[in-house]
Structure formats: structure tokens, C-alpha cells
Amino acid sequence: FEAIEVYVHRLRRKLEGSDVRIVTFRGLGYQLERAPDTSPVA
């Protein structure tokens, strides 16, 4: 499981700044989902 956490961390770095993210559900696992839109509202 420690190795999986390392690969998740590496993959998250490659997805940084995009509209996709890997979410951790503690004790359950991971899920790929759309990242919330944080762009300022005019």
C-alpha cells in the first residue's frame, strides 16, 4: 500500500493545474473526479 501511495502522489503532481484530480477517501481508496472550478467570477 505504501508503494501505491507513492504512485498516487506522483500522478497527482502530473495532474496539477488541470480540471481532473485524484481524491482520497480515507480507509476506502481513491476516486478520479473533476476538480472544482476555482477561477475568479467576474
Full PDB file with SEQRES, HELIX, SHEET, SSBOND, CRYST1, ORIGX, SCALE, CONECT and MASTER records, all heavy atoms in Angstrom:
SEQRES   1 A   42  PHE GLU ALA ILE GLU VAL TYR VAL HIS ARG LEU ARG ARG          
SEQRES   2 A   42  LYS LEU GLU GLY SER ASP VAL ARG ILE VAL THR PHE ARG          
SEQRES   3 A   42  GLY LEU GLY TYR GLN LEU GLU ARG ALA PRO ASP THR SER          
SEQRES   4 A   42  PRO VAL ALA                                                  
HELIX    1 AA1 GLU A    2  LEU A   15  1                                  14    
SHEET    1 AA1 2 VAL A  20  PHE A  25  0                                        
SHEET    2 AA1 2 GLY A  29  ARG A  34 -1                                        
CRYST1    1.000    1.000    1.000  90.00  90.00  90.00 P 1           1          
ORIGX1      1.000000  0.000000  0.000000        0.00000                         
ORIGX2      0.000000  1.000000  0.000000        0.00000                         
ORIGX3      0.000000  0.000000  1.000000        0.00000                         
SCALE1      1.000000  0.000000  0.000000        0.00000                         
SCALE2      0.000000  1.000000  0.000000        0.00000                         
SCALE3      0.000000  0.000000  1.000000        0.00000                         
ATOM      1  N   PHE A   1       0.828  -1.198   0.000  1.00  0.00           N  
ATOM      2  CA  PHE A   1       0.000   0.000   0.000  1.00  0.00           C  
ATOM      3  C   PHE A   1       0.867   1.255   0.000  1.00  0.00           C  
ATOM      4  O   PHE A   1       0.495   2.280  -0.577  1.00  0.00           O  
ATOM      5  CB  PHE A   1      -0.923   0.007   1.209  1.00  0.00           C  
ATOM      6  CG  PHE A   1      -2.041  -1.021   1.125  1.00  0.00           C  
ATOM      7  CD1 PHE A   1      -2.879  -1.240   2.209  1.00  0.00           C  
ATOM      8  CD2 PHE A   1      -2.257  -1.742  -0.032  1.00  0.00           C  
ATOM      9  CE1 PHE A   1      -3.907  -2.169   2.132  1.00  0.00           C  
ATOM     10  CE2 PHE A   1      -3.281  -2.675  -0.127  1.00  0.00           C  
ATOM     11  CZ  PHE A   1      -4.108  -2.888   0.965  1.00  0.00           C  
ATOM     12  N   GLU A   2       2.031   1.177   0.643  1.00  0.00           N  
ATOM     13  CA  GLU A   2       2.939   2.330   0.649  1.00  0.00           C  
ATOM     14  C   GLU A   2       3.418   2.644  -0.762  1.00  0.00           C  
ATOM     15  O   GLU A   2       3.528   3.814  -1.143  1.00  0.00           O  
ATOM     16  CB  GLU A   2       4.145   2.040   1.563  1.00  0.00           C  
ATOM     17  CG  GLU A   2       3.827   1.995   3.036  1.00  0.00           C  
ATOM     18  CD  GLU A   2       3.170   0.692   3.465  1.00  0.00           C  
ATOM     19  OE1 GLU A   2       3.138  -0.268   2.651  1.00  0.00           O  
ATOM     20  OE2 GLU A   2       2.674   0.625   4.607  1.00  0.00           O  
ATOM     21  N   ALA A   3       3.671   1.603  -1.560  1.00  0.00           N  
ATOM     22  CA  ALA A   3       4.092   1.829  -2.948  1.00  0.00           C  
ATOM     23  C   ALA A   3       2.979   2.489  -3.747  1.00  0.00           C  
ATOM     24  O   ALA A   3       3.226   3.398  -4.556  1.00  0.00           O  
ATOM     25  CB  ALA A   3       4.494   0.500  -3.591  1.00  0.00           C  
ATOM     26  N   ILE A   4       1.747   2.065  -3.523  1.00  0.00           N  
ATOM     27  CA  ILE A   4       0.617   2.671  -4.229  1.00  0.00           C  
ATOM     28  C   ILE A   4       0.506   4.154  -3.873  1.00  0.00           C  
ATOM     29  O   ILE A   4       0.271   4.996  -4.748  1.00  0.00           O  
ATOM     30  CB  ILE A   4      -0.685   1.922  -3.887  1.00  0.00           C  
ATOM     31  CG1 ILE A   4      -0.660   0.517  -4.511  1.00  0.00           C  
ATOM     32  CG2 ILE A   4      -1.915   2.701  -4.384  1.00  0.00           C  
ATOM     33  CD1 ILE A   4      -1.817  -0.346  -4.126  1.00  0.00           C  
ATOM     34  N   GLU A   5       0.691   4.488  -2.597  1.00  0.00           N  
ATOM     35  CA  GLU A   5       0.634   5.889  -2.182  1.00  0.00           C  
ATOM     36  C   GLU A   5       1.689   6.729  -2.894  1.00  0.00           C  
ATOM     37  O   GLU A   5       1.441   7.881  -3.271  1.00  0.00           O  
ATOM     38  CB  GLU A   5       0.810   5.980  -0.662  1.00  0.00           C  
ATOM     39  CG  GLU A   5      -0.371   5.435   0.122  1.00  0.00           C  
ATOM     40  CD  GLU A   5      -0.075   5.306   1.603  1.00  0.00           C  
ATOM     41  OE1 GLU A   5       1.041   5.694   2.009  1.00  0.00           O  
ATOM     42  OE2 GLU A   5      -0.956   4.828   2.348  1.00  0.00           O  
ATOM     43  N   VAL A   6       2.868   6.147  -3.108  1.00  0.00           N  
ATOM     44  CA  VAL A   6       3.928   6.861  -3.827  1.00  0.00           C  
ATOM     45  C   VAL A   6       3.501   7.142  -5.263  1.00  0.00           C  
ATOM     46  O   VAL A   6       3.662   8.265  -5.775  1.00  0.00           O  
ATOM     47  CB  VAL A   6       5.241   6.044  -3.805  1.00  0.00           C  
ATOM     48  CG1 VAL A   6       6.267   6.661  -4.763  1.00  0.00           C  
ATOM     49  CG2 VAL A   6       5.809   5.983  -2.395  1.00  0.00           C  
ATOM     50  N   TYR A   7       2.919   6.145  -5.933  1.00  0.00           N  
ATOM     51  CA  TYR A   7       2.498   6.341  -7.319  1.00  0.00           C  
ATOM     52  C   TYR A   7       1.324   7.309  -7.422  1.00  0.00           C  
ATOM     53  O   TYR A   7       1.239   8.092  -8.373  1.00  0.00           O  
ATOM     54  CB  TYR A   7       2.150   4.998  -7.958  1.00  0.00           C  
ATOM     55  CG  TYR A   7       3.363   4.132  -8.196  1.00  0.00           C  
ATOM     56  CD1 TYR A   7       3.526   2.918  -7.537  1.00  0.00           C  
ATOM     57  CD2 TYR A   7       4.363   4.532  -9.078  1.00  0.00           C  
ATOM     58  CE1 TYR A   7       4.647   2.130  -7.741  1.00  0.00           C  
ATOM     59  CE2 TYR A   7       5.490   3.753  -9.294  1.00  0.00           C  
ATOM     60  CZ  TYR A   7       5.628   2.553  -8.621  1.00  0.00           C  
ATOM     61  OH  TYR A   7       6.752   1.789  -8.828  1.00  0.00           O  
ATOM     62  N   VAL A   8       0.429   7.288  -6.445  1.00  0.00           N  
ATOM     63  CA  VAL A   8      -0.671   8.256  -6.435  1.00  0.00           C  
ATOM     64  C   VAL A   8      -0.113   9.669  -6.304  1.00  0.00           C  
ATOM     65  O   VAL A   8      -0.551  10.595  -6.999  1.00  0.00           O  
ATOM     66  CB  VAL A   8      -1.655   7.939  -5.291  1.00  0.00           C  
ATOM     67  CG1 VAL A   8      -2.625   9.109  -5.083  1.00  0.00           C  
ATOM     68  CG2 VAL A   8      -2.435   6.666  -5.576  1.00  0.00           C  
ATOM     69  N   HIS A   9       0.857   9.838  -5.423  1.00  0.00           N  
ATOM     70  CA  HIS A   9       1.481  11.161  -5.242  1.00  0.00           C  
ATOM     71  C   HIS A   9       2.120  11.646  -6.542  1.00  0.00           C  
ATOM     72  O   HIS A   9       1.944  12.810  -6.938  1.00  0.00           O  
ATOM     73  CB  HIS A   9       2.522  11.083  -4.132  1.00  0.00           C  
ATOM     74  CG  HIS A   9       3.309  12.343  -3.946  1.00  0.00           C  
ATOM     75  ND1 HIS A   9       2.768  13.488  -3.393  1.00  0.00           N  
ATOM     76  CD2 HIS A   9       4.603  12.655  -4.275  1.00  0.00           C  
ATOM     77  CE1 HIS A   9       3.683  14.449  -3.365  1.00  0.00           C  
ATOM     78  NE2 HIS A   9       4.800  13.966  -3.901  1.00  0.00           N  
ATOM     79  N   ARG A  10       2.850  10.760  -7.222  1.00  0.00           N  
ATOM     80  CA  ARG A  10       3.498  11.150  -8.476  1.00  0.00           C  
ATOM     81  C   ARG A  10       2.468  11.526  -9.536  1.00  0.00           C  
ATOM     82  O   ARG A  10       2.646  12.500 -10.285  1.00  0.00           O  
ATOM     83  CB  ARG A  10       4.367  10.009  -8.988  1.00  0.00           C  
ATOM     84  CG  ARG A  10       5.577   9.707  -8.119  1.00  0.00           C  
ATOM     85  CD  ARG A  10       6.329   8.502  -8.647  1.00  0.00           C  
ATOM     86  NE  ARG A  10       7.475   8.164  -7.806  1.00  0.00           N  
ATOM     87  CZ  ARG A  10       8.235   7.089  -7.973  1.00  0.00           C  
ATOM     88  NH1 ARG A  10       7.974   6.252  -8.978  1.00  0.00           N  
ATOM     89  NH2 ARG A  10       9.244   6.852  -7.178  1.00  0.00           N  
ATOM     90  N   LEU A  11       1.393  10.754  -9.595  1.00  0.00           N  
ATOM     91  CA  LEU A  11       0.367  11.018 -10.601  1.00  0.00           C  
ATOM     92  C   LEU A  11      -0.362  12.317 -10.303  1.00  0.00           C  
ATOM     93  O   LEU A  11      -0.689  13.082 -11.226  1.00  0.00           O  
ATOM     94  CB  LEU A  11      -0.613   9.847 -10.648  1.00  0.00           C  
ATOM     95  CG  LEU A  11      -1.593   9.794 -11.814  1.00  0.00           C  
ATOM     96  CD1 LEU A  11      -0.871   9.899 -13.147  1.00  0.00           C  
ATOM     97  CD2 LEU A  11      -2.404   8.503 -11.756  1.00  0.00           C  
ATOM     98  N   ARG A  12      -0.611  12.603  -9.048  1.00  0.00           N  
ATOM     99  CA  ARG A  12      -1.255  13.864  -8.678  1.00  0.00           C  
ATOM    100  C   ARG A  12      -0.439  15.063  -9.149  1.00  0.00           C  
ATOM    101  O   ARG A  12      -0.992  16.059  -9.619  1.00  0.00           O  
ATOM    102  CB  ARG A  12      -1.453  13.922  -7.164  1.00  0.00           C  
ATOM    103  CG  ARG A  12      -2.695  13.185  -6.678  1.00  0.00           C  
ATOM    104  CD  ARG A  12      -2.804  13.268  -5.179  1.00  0.00           C  
ATOM    105  NE  ARG A  12      -4.114  12.790  -4.726  1.00  0.00           N  
ATOM    106  CZ  ARG A  12      -4.316  12.160  -3.593  1.00  0.00           C  
ATOM    107  NH1 ARG A  12      -3.294  11.926  -2.769  1.00  0.00           N  
ATOM    108  NH2 ARG A  12      -5.531  11.775  -3.256  1.00  0.00           N  
ATOM    109  N   ARG A  13       0.876  14.956  -9.028  1.00  0.00           N  
ATOM    110  CA  ARG A  13       1.732  16.064  -9.456  1.00  0.00           C  
ATOM    111  C   ARG A  13       1.597  16.307 -10.956  1.00  0.00           C  
ATOM    112  O   ARG A  13       1.627  17.460 -11.415  1.00  0.00           O  
ATOM    113  CB  ARG A  13       3.187  15.766  -9.101  1.00  0.00           C  
ATOM    114  CG  ARG A  13       3.443  15.770  -7.597  1.00  0.00           C  
ATOM    115  CD  ARG A  13       4.894  15.528  -7.279  1.00  0.00           C  
ATOM    116  NE  ARG A  13       5.758  16.562  -7.844  1.00  0.00           N  
ATOM    117  CZ  ARG A  13       7.077  16.546  -7.760  1.00  0.00           C  
ATOM    118  NH1 ARG A  13       7.697  15.527  -7.168  1.00  0.00           N  
ATOM    119  NH2 ARG A  13       7.795  17.524  -8.279  1.00  0.00           N  
ATOM    120  N   LYS A  14       1.400  15.242 -11.722  1.00  0.00           N  
ATOM    121  CA  LYS A  14       1.275  15.391 -13.171  1.00  0.00           C  
ATOM    122  C   LYS A  14      -0.090  15.915 -13.581  1.00  0.00           C  
ATOM    123  O   LYS A  14      -0.256  16.417 -14.689  1.00  0.00           O  
ATOM    124  CB  LYS A  14       1.570  14.057 -13.854  1.00  0.00           C  
ATOM    125  CG  LYS A  14       3.018  13.634 -13.675  1.00  0.00           C  
ATOM    126  CD  LYS A  14       3.324  12.289 -14.280  1.00  0.00           C  
ATOM    127  CE  LYS A  14       4.797  11.939 -14.038  1.00  0.00           C  
ATOM    128  NZ  LYS A  14       5.171  10.623 -14.560  1.00  0.00           N  
ATOM    129  N   LEU A  15      -1.071  15.783 -12.697  1.00  0.00           N  
ATOM    130  CA  LEU A  15      -2.411  16.302 -12.977  1.00  0.00           C  
ATOM    131  C   LEU A  15      -2.637  17.690 -12.387  1.00  0.00           C  
ATOM    132  O   LEU A  15      -3.696  18.284 -12.608  1.00  0.00           O  
ATOM    133  CB  LEU A  15      -3.472  15.340 -12.417  1.00  0.00           C  
ATOM    134  CG  LEU A  15      -3.520  13.938 -13.033  1.00  0.00           C  
ATOM    135  CD1 LEU A  15      -4.519  13.068 -12.277  1.00  0.00           C  
ATOM    136  CD2 LEU A  15      -3.887  13.994 -14.513  1.00  0.00           C  
ATOM    137  N   GLU A  16      -1.673  18.205 -11.653  1.00  0.00           N  
ATOM    138  CA  GLU A  16      -1.813  19.510 -11.010  1.00  0.00           C  
ATOM    139  C   GLU A  16      -2.111  20.598 -12.042  1.00  0.00           C  
ATOM    140  O   GLU A  16      -1.531  20.642 -13.116  1.00  0.00           O  
ATOM    141  CB  GLU A  16      -0.527  19.875 -10.255  1.00  0.00           C  
ATOM    142  CG  GLU A  16      -0.423  19.254  -8.880  1.00  0.00           C  
ATOM    143  CD  GLU A  16       0.849  19.687  -8.168  1.00  0.00           C  
ATOM    144  OE1 GLU A  16       1.635  20.456  -8.770  1.00  0.00           O  
ATOM    145  OE2 GLU A  16       1.061  19.265  -7.025  1.00  0.00           O  
ATOM    146  N   GLY A  17      -3.031  21.478 -11.672  1.00  0.00           N  
ATOM    147  CA  GLY A  17      -3.381  22.590 -12.546  1.00  0.00           C  
ATOM    148  C   GLY A  17      -4.408  22.250 -13.600  1.00  0.00           C  
ATOM    149  O   GLY A  17      -4.854  23.133 -14.342  1.00  0.00           O  
ATOM    150  N   SER A  18      -4.801  20.970 -13.688  1.00  0.00           N  
ATOM    151  CA  SER A  18      -5.811  20.565 -14.669  1.00  0.00           C  
ATOM    152  C   SER A  18      -7.182  20.524 -14.000  1.00  0.00           C  
ATOM    153  O   SER A  18      -7.333  20.836 -12.818  1.00  0.00           O  
ATOM    154  CB  SER A  18      -5.472  19.194 -15.252  1.00  0.00           C  
ATOM    155  OG  SER A  18      -5.725  18.164 -14.303  1.00  0.00           O  
ATOM    156  N   ASP A  19      -8.175  20.123 -14.757  1.00  0.00           N  
ATOM    157  CA  ASP A  19      -9.538  20.041 -14.220  1.00  0.00           C  
ATOM    158  C   ASP A  19      -9.870  18.626 -13.742  1.00  0.00           C  
ATOM    159  O   ASP A  19     -11.037  18.277 -13.580  1.00  0.00           O  
ATOM    160  CB  ASP A  19     -10.553  20.489 -15.273  1.00  0.00           C  
ATOM    161  CG  ASP A  19     -10.462  19.686 -16.568  1.00  0.00           C  
ATOM    162  OD1 ASP A  19      -9.509  18.883 -16.703  1.00  0.00           O  
ATOM    163  OD2 ASP A  19     -11.330  19.862 -17.434  1.00  0.00           O  
ATOM    164  N   VAL A  20      -8.844  17.818 -13.500  1.00  0.00           N  
ATOM    165  CA  VAL A  20      -9.018  16.445 -13.016  1.00  0.00           C  
ATOM    166  C   VAL A  20      -8.151  16.251 -11.785  1.00  0.00           C  
ATOM    167  O   VAL A  20      -7.019  16.742 -11.723  1.00  0.00           O  
ATOM    168  CB  VAL A  20      -8.626  15.425 -14.112  1.00  0.00           C  
ATOM    169  CG1 VAL A  20      -8.752  13.999 -13.595  1.00  0.00           C  
ATOM    170  CG2 VAL A  20      -9.497  15.615 -15.347  1.00  0.00           C  
ATOM    171  N   ARG A  21      -8.663  15.517 -10.799  1.00  0.00           N  
ATOM    172  CA  ARG A  21      -7.895  15.266  -9.591  1.00  0.00           C  
ATOM    173  C   ARG A  21      -8.184  13.866  -9.049  1.00  0.00           C  
ATOM    174  O   ARG A  21      -9.208  13.255  -9.387  1.00  0.00           O  
ATOM    175  CB  ARG A  21      -8.214  16.306  -8.513  1.00  0.00           C  
ATOM    176  CG  ARG A  21      -9.649  16.237  -8.005  1.00  0.00           C  
ATOM    177  CD  ARG A  21      -9.897  17.248  -6.903  1.00  0.00           C  
ATOM    178  NE  ARG A  21     -11.263  17.124  -6.373  1.00  0.00           N  
ATOM    179  CZ  ARG A  21     -11.740  17.841  -5.344  1.00  0.00           C  
ATOM    180  NH1 ARG A  21     -10.952  18.720  -4.754  1.00  0.00           N  
ATOM    181  NH2 ARG A  21     -12.964  17.660  -4.921  1.00  0.00           N  
ATOM    182  N   ILE A  22      -7.273  13.378  -8.227  1.00  0.00           N  
ATOM    183  CA  ILE A  22      -7.456  12.108  -7.520  1.00  0.00           C  
ATOM    184  C   ILE A  22      -7.810  12.427  -6.073  1.00  0.00           C  
ATOM    185  O   ILE A  22      -7.046  13.095  -5.375  1.00  0.00           O  
ATOM    186  CB  ILE A  22      -6.187  11.248  -7.578  1.00  0.00           C  
ATOM    187  CG1 ILE A  22      -5.805  10.938  -9.023  1.00  0.00           C  
ATOM    188  CG2 ILE A  22      -6.378   9.952  -6.793  1.00  0.00           C  
ATOM    189  CD1 ILE A  22      -4.460  10.242  -9.167  1.00  0.00           C  
ATOM    190  N   VAL A  23      -8.965  11.970  -5.651  1.00  0.00           N  
ATOM    191  CA  VAL A  23      -9.449  12.240  -4.299  1.00  0.00           C  
ATOM    192  C   VAL A  23      -9.245  11.002  -3.432  1.00  0.00           C  
ATOM    193  O   VAL A  23      -9.510   9.871  -3.870  1.00  0.00           O  
ATOM    194  CB  VAL A  23     -10.943  12.622  -4.319  1.00  0.00           C  
ATOM    195  CG1 VAL A  23     -11.470  12.867  -2.903  1.00  0.00           C  
ATOM    196  CG2 VAL A  23     -11.153  13.855  -5.187  1.00  0.00           C  
ATOM    197  N   THR A  24      -8.770  11.222  -2.198  1.00  0.00           N  
ATOM    198  CA  THR A  24      -8.595  10.133  -1.244  1.00  0.00           C  
ATOM    199  C   THR A  24      -9.818  10.019  -0.346  1.00  0.00           C  
ATOM    200  O   THR A  24     -10.269  11.026   0.221  1.00  0.00           O  
ATOM    201  CB  THR A  24      -7.358  10.371  -0.359  1.00  0.00           C  
ATOM    202  OG1 THR A  24      -6.192  10.438  -1.185  1.00  0.00           O  
ATOM    203  CG2 THR A  24      -7.187   9.228   0.646  1.00  0.00           C  
ATOM    204  N   PHE A  25     -10.365   8.821  -0.235  1.00  0.00           N  
ATOM    205  CA  PHE A  25     -11.415   8.520   0.731  1.00  0.00           C  
ATOM    206  C   PHE A  25     -10.771   7.610   1.779  1.00  0.00           C  
ATOM    207  O   PHE A  25     -10.563   6.423   1.538  1.00  0.00           O  
ATOM    208  CB  PHE A  25     -12.607   7.837   0.060  1.00  0.00           C  
ATOM    209  CG  PHE A  25     -13.358   8.757  -0.872  1.00  0.00           C  
ATOM    210  CD1 PHE A  25     -13.000   8.868  -2.209  1.00  0.00           C  
ATOM    211  CD2 PHE A  25     -14.409   9.522  -0.400  1.00  0.00           C  
ATOM    212  CE1 PHE A  25     -13.677   9.724  -3.061  1.00  0.00           C  
ATOM    213  CE2 PHE A  25     -15.097  10.379  -1.245  1.00  0.00           C  
ATOM    214  CZ  PHE A  25     -14.735  10.485  -2.583  1.00  0.00           C  
ATOM    215  N   ARG A  26     -10.453   8.214   2.922  1.00  0.00           N  
ATOM    216  CA  ARG A  26      -9.657   7.524   3.930  1.00  0.00           C  
ATOM    217  C   ARG A  26     -10.291   6.187   4.330  1.00  0.00           C  
ATOM    218  O   ARG A  26     -11.462   6.126   4.679  1.00  0.00           O  
ATOM    219  CB  ARG A  26      -9.482   8.410   5.159  1.00  0.00           C  
ATOM    220  CG  ARG A  26      -8.428   7.901   6.138  1.00  0.00           C  
ATOM    221  CD  ARG A  26      -8.112   8.949   7.190  1.00  0.00           C  
ATOM    222  NE  ARG A  26      -7.597  10.167   6.596  1.00  0.00           N  
ATOM    223  CZ  ARG A  26      -6.332  10.365   6.229  1.00  0.00           C  
ATOM    224  NH1 ARG A  26      -5.469   9.358   6.386  1.00  0.00           N  
ATOM    225  NH2 ARG A  26      -5.938  11.502   5.725  1.00  0.00           N  
ATOM    226  N   GLY A  27      -9.484   5.152   4.261  1.00  0.00           N  
ATOM    227  CA  GLY A  27      -9.945   3.821   4.624  1.00  0.00           C  
ATOM    228  C   GLY A  27     -10.667   3.099   3.511  1.00  0.00           C  
ATOM    229  O   GLY A  27     -10.965   1.906   3.638  1.00  0.00           O  
ATOM    230  N   LEU A  28     -10.960   3.802   2.406  1.00  0.00           N  
ATOM    231  CA  LEU A  28     -11.712   3.203   1.308  1.00  0.00           C  
ATOM    232  C   LEU A  28     -10.903   3.102   0.024  1.00  0.00           C  
ATOM    233  O   LEU A  28     -10.962   2.095  -0.681  1.00  0.00           O  
ATOM    234  CB  LEU A  28     -12.997   3.995   1.051  1.00  0.00           C  
ATOM    235  CG  LEU A  28     -14.010   4.036   2.195  1.00  0.00           C  
ATOM    236  CD1 LEU A  28     -15.172   4.965   1.834  1.00  0.00           C  
ATOM    237  CD2 LEU A  28     -14.518   2.634   2.506  1.00  0.00           C  
ATOM    238  N   GLY A  29     -10.170   4.189  -0.305  1.00  0.00           N  
ATOM    239  CA  GLY A  29      -9.395   4.156  -1.537  1.00  0.00           C  
ATOM    240  C   GLY A  29      -9.364   5.503  -2.224  1.00  0.00           C  
ATOM    241  O   GLY A  29      -9.380   6.555  -1.568  1.00  0.00           O  
ATOM    242  N   TYR A  30      -9.368   5.469  -3.562  1.00  0.00           N  
ATOM    243  CA  TYR A  30      -9.210   6.680  -4.363  1.00  0.00           C  
ATOM    244  C   TYR A  30     -10.282   6.743  -5.440  1.00  0.00           C  
ATOM    245  O   TYR A  30     -10.823   5.730  -5.869  1.00  0.00           O  
ATOM    246  CB  TYR A  30      -7.829   6.710  -5.026  1.00  0.00           C  
ATOM    247  CG  TYR A  30      -6.674   6.612  -4.066  1.00  0.00           C  
ATOM    248  CD1 TYR A  30      -6.056   5.380  -3.820  1.00  0.00           C  
ATOM    249  CD2 TYR A  30      -6.204   7.733  -3.406  1.00  0.00           C  
ATOM    250  CE1 TYR A  30      -4.993   5.281  -2.940  1.00  0.00           C  
ATOM    251  CE2 TYR A  30      -5.131   7.648  -2.520  1.00  0.00           C  
ATOM    252  CZ  TYR A  30      -4.532   6.417  -2.289  1.00  0.00           C  
ATOM    253  OH  TYR A  30      -3.485   6.323  -1.410  1.00  0.00           O  
ATOM    254  N   GLN A  31     -10.547   7.982  -5.866  1.00  0.00           N  
ATOM    255  CA  GLN A  31     -11.510   8.190  -6.944  1.00  0.00           C  
ATOM    256  C   GLN A  31     -11.021   9.320  -7.833  1.00  0.00           C  
ATOM    257  O   GLN A  31     -10.509  10.334  -7.355  1.00  0.00           O  
ATOM    258  CB  GLN A  31     -12.891   8.524  -6.373  1.00  0.00           C  
ATOM    259  CG  GLN A  31     -13.988   8.620  -7.431  1.00  0.00           C  
ATOM    260  CD  GLN A  31     -15.367   8.701  -6.800  1.00  0.00           C  
ATOM    261  OE1 GLN A  31     -15.661   7.996  -5.854  1.00  0.00           O  
ATOM    262  NE2 GLN A  31     -16.210   9.568  -7.319  1.00  0.00           N  
ATOM    263  N   LEU A  32     -11.186   9.132  -9.143  1.00  0.00           N  
ATOM    264  CA  LEU A  32     -10.840  10.165 -10.115  1.00  0.00           C  
ATOM    265  C   LEU A  32     -12.077  10.999 -10.384  1.00  0.00           C  
ATOM    266  O   LEU A  32     -13.147  10.459 -10.659  1.00  0.00           O  
ATOM    267  CB  LEU A  32     -10.352   9.506 -11.410  1.00  0.00           C  
ATOM    268  CG  LEU A  32      -9.690  10.400 -12.460  1.00  0.00           C  
ATOM    269  CD1 LEU A  32      -8.377  10.965 -11.941  1.00  0.00           C  
ATOM    270  CD2 LEU A  32      -9.448   9.607 -13.744  1.00  0.00           C  
ATOM    271  N   GLU A  33     -11.941  12.333 -10.293  1.00  0.00           N  
ATOM    272  CA  GLU A  33     -13.109  13.193 -10.493  1.00  0.00           C  
ATOM    273  C   GLU A  33     -12.691  14.551 -11.041  1.00  0.00           C  
ATOM    274  O   GLU A  33     -11.509  14.894 -11.070  1.00  0.00           O  
ATOM    275  CB  GLU A  33     -13.874  13.380  -9.185  1.00  0.00           C  
ATOM    276  CG  GLU A  33     -13.104  14.096  -8.095  1.00  0.00           C  
ATOM    277  CD  GLU A  33     -13.928  14.331  -6.840  1.00  0.00           C  
ATOM    278  OE1 GLU A  33     -14.730  13.457  -6.460  1.00  0.00           O  
ATOM    279  OE2 GLU A  33     -13.756  15.408  -6.233  1.00  0.00           O  
ATOM    280  N   ARG A  34     -13.683  15.296 -11.485  1.00  0.00           N  
ATOM    281  CA  ARG A  34     -13.441  16.663 -11.949  1.00  0.00           C  
ATOM    282  C   ARG A  34     -13.046  17.535 -10.775  1.00  0.00           C  
ATOM    283  O   ARG A  34     -13.639  17.465  -9.701  1.00  0.00           O  
ATOM    284  CB  ARG A  34     -14.686  17.238 -12.620  1.00  0.00           C  
ATOM    285  CG  ARG A  34     -15.073  16.620 -13.949  1.00  0.00           C  
ATOM    286  CD  ARG A  34     -14.121  17.026 -15.069  1.00  0.00           C  
ATOM    287  NE  ARG A  34     -14.170  18.437 -15.366  1.00  0.00           N  
ATOM    288  CZ  ARG A  34     -14.984  18.983 -16.285  1.00  0.00           C  
ATOM    289  NH1 ARG A  34     -15.805  18.208 -16.975  1.00  0.00           N  
ATOM    290  NH2 ARG A  34     -14.962  20.275 -16.520  1.00  0.00           N  
ATOM    291  N   ALA A  35     -12.061  18.378 -10.973  1.00  0.00           N  
ATOM    292  CA  ALA A  35     -11.649  19.325  -9.940  1.00  0.00           C  
ATOM    293  C   ALA A  35     -12.607  20.505  -9.928  1.00  0.00           C  
ATOM    294  O   ALA A  35     -13.143  20.895 -10.968  1.00  0.00           O  
ATOM    295  CB  ALA A  35     -10.222  19.800 -10.195  1.00  0.00           C  
ATOM    296  N   PRO A  36     -12.864  21.085  -8.759  1.00  0.00           N  
ATOM    297  CA  PRO A  36     -13.753  22.248  -8.711  1.00  0.00           C  
ATOM    298  C   PRO A  36     -13.149  23.427  -9.451  1.00  0.00           C  
ATOM    299  O   PRO A  36     -11.926  23.599  -9.491  1.00  0.00           O  
ATOM    300  CB  PRO A  36     -13.878  22.522  -7.213  1.00  0.00           C  
ATOM    301  CG  PRO A  36     -12.664  21.910  -6.599  1.00  0.00           C  
ATOM    302  CD  PRO A  36     -12.344  20.712  -7.428  1.00  0.00           C  
ATOM    303  N   ASP A  37     -13.992  24.216 -10.051  1.00  0.00           N  
ATOM    304  CA  ASP A  37     -13.559  25.403 -10.782  1.00  0.00           C  
ATOM    305  C   ASP A  37     -13.233  26.501  -9.780  1.00  0.00           C  
ATOM    306  O   ASP A  37     -14.083  26.981  -9.056  1.00  0.00           O  
ATOM    307  CB  ASP A  37     -14.668  25.866 -11.735  1.00  0.00           C  
ATOM    308  CG  ASP A  37     -14.206  27.014 -12.635  1.00  0.00           C  
ATOM    309  OD1 ASP A  37     -13.039  27.425 -12.512  1.00  0.00           O  
ATOM    310  OD2 ASP A  37     -15.036  27.480 -13.446  1.00  0.00           O  
ATOM    311  N   THR A  38     -11.945  26.871  -9.755  1.00  0.00           N  
ATOM    312  CA  THR A  38     -11.512  27.907  -8.817  1.00  0.00           C  
ATOM    313  C   THR A  38     -11.220  29.239  -9.494  1.00  0.00           C  
ATOM    314  O   THR A  38     -10.648  30.139  -8.883  1.00  0.00           O  
ATOM    315  CB  THR A  38     -10.240  27.446  -8.075  1.00  0.00           C  
ATOM    316  OG1 THR A  38      -9.211  27.168  -9.037  1.00  0.00           O  
ATOM    317  CG2 THR A  38     -10.521  26.189  -7.261  1.00  0.00           C  
ATOM    318  N   SER A  39     -11.618  29.364 -10.764  1.00  0.00           N  
ATOM    319  CA  SER A  39     -11.361  30.622 -11.464  1.00  0.00           C  
ATOM    320  C   SER A  39     -12.230  31.725 -10.900  1.00  0.00           C  
ATOM    321  O   SER A  39     -13.375  31.504 -10.487  1.00  0.00           O  
ATOM    322  CB  SER A  39     -11.650  30.454 -12.967  1.00  0.00           C  
ATOM    323  OG  SER A  39     -12.991  30.056 -13.166  1.00  0.00           O  
ATOM    324  N   PRO A  40     -11.712  32.959 -10.803  1.00  0.00           N  
ATOM    325  CA  PRO A  40     -12.498  34.055 -10.235  1.00  0.00           C  
ATOM    326  C   PRO A  40     -13.742  34.376 -11.067  1.00  0.00           C  
ATOM    327  O   PRO A  40     -13.729  34.254 -12.292  1.00  0.00           O  
ATOM    328  CB  PRO A  40     -11.508  35.214 -10.231  1.00  0.00           C  
ATOM    329  CG  PRO A  40     -10.502  34.872 -11.301  1.00  0.00           C  
ATOM    330  CD  PRO A  40     -10.397  33.388 -11.293  1.00  0.00           C  
ATOM    331  N   VAL A  41     -14.798  34.759 -10.385  1.00  0.00           N  
ATOM    332  CA  VAL A  41     -16.030  35.141 -11.059  1.00  0.00           C  
ATOM    333  C   VAL A  41     -15.999  36.634 -11.349  1.00  0.00           C  
ATOM    334  O   VAL A  41     -15.753  37.453 -10.440  1.00  0.00           O  
ATOM    335  CB  VAL A  41     -17.257  34.803 -10.179  1.00  0.00           C  
ATOM    336  CG1 VAL A  41     -18.525  35.232 -10.868  1.00  0.00           C  
ATOM    337  CG2 VAL A  41     -17.276  33.307  -9.850  1.00  0.00           C  
ATOM    338  N   ALA A  42     -16.210  36.945 -12.600  1.00  0.00           N  
ATOM    339  CA  ALA A  42     -16.178  38.359 -12.996  1.00  0.00           C  
ATOM    340  C   ALA A  42     -17.350  39.115 -12.374  1.00  0.00           C  
ATOM    341  O   ALA A  42     -18.466  38.621 -12.311  1.00  0.00           O  
ATOM    342  CB  ALA A  42     -16.197  38.492 -14.510  1.00  0.00           C  
TER     343      ALA A  42                                                      
MASTER        0    0    0    1    2    0    0    6  342    1    0    4          
END                                                                             
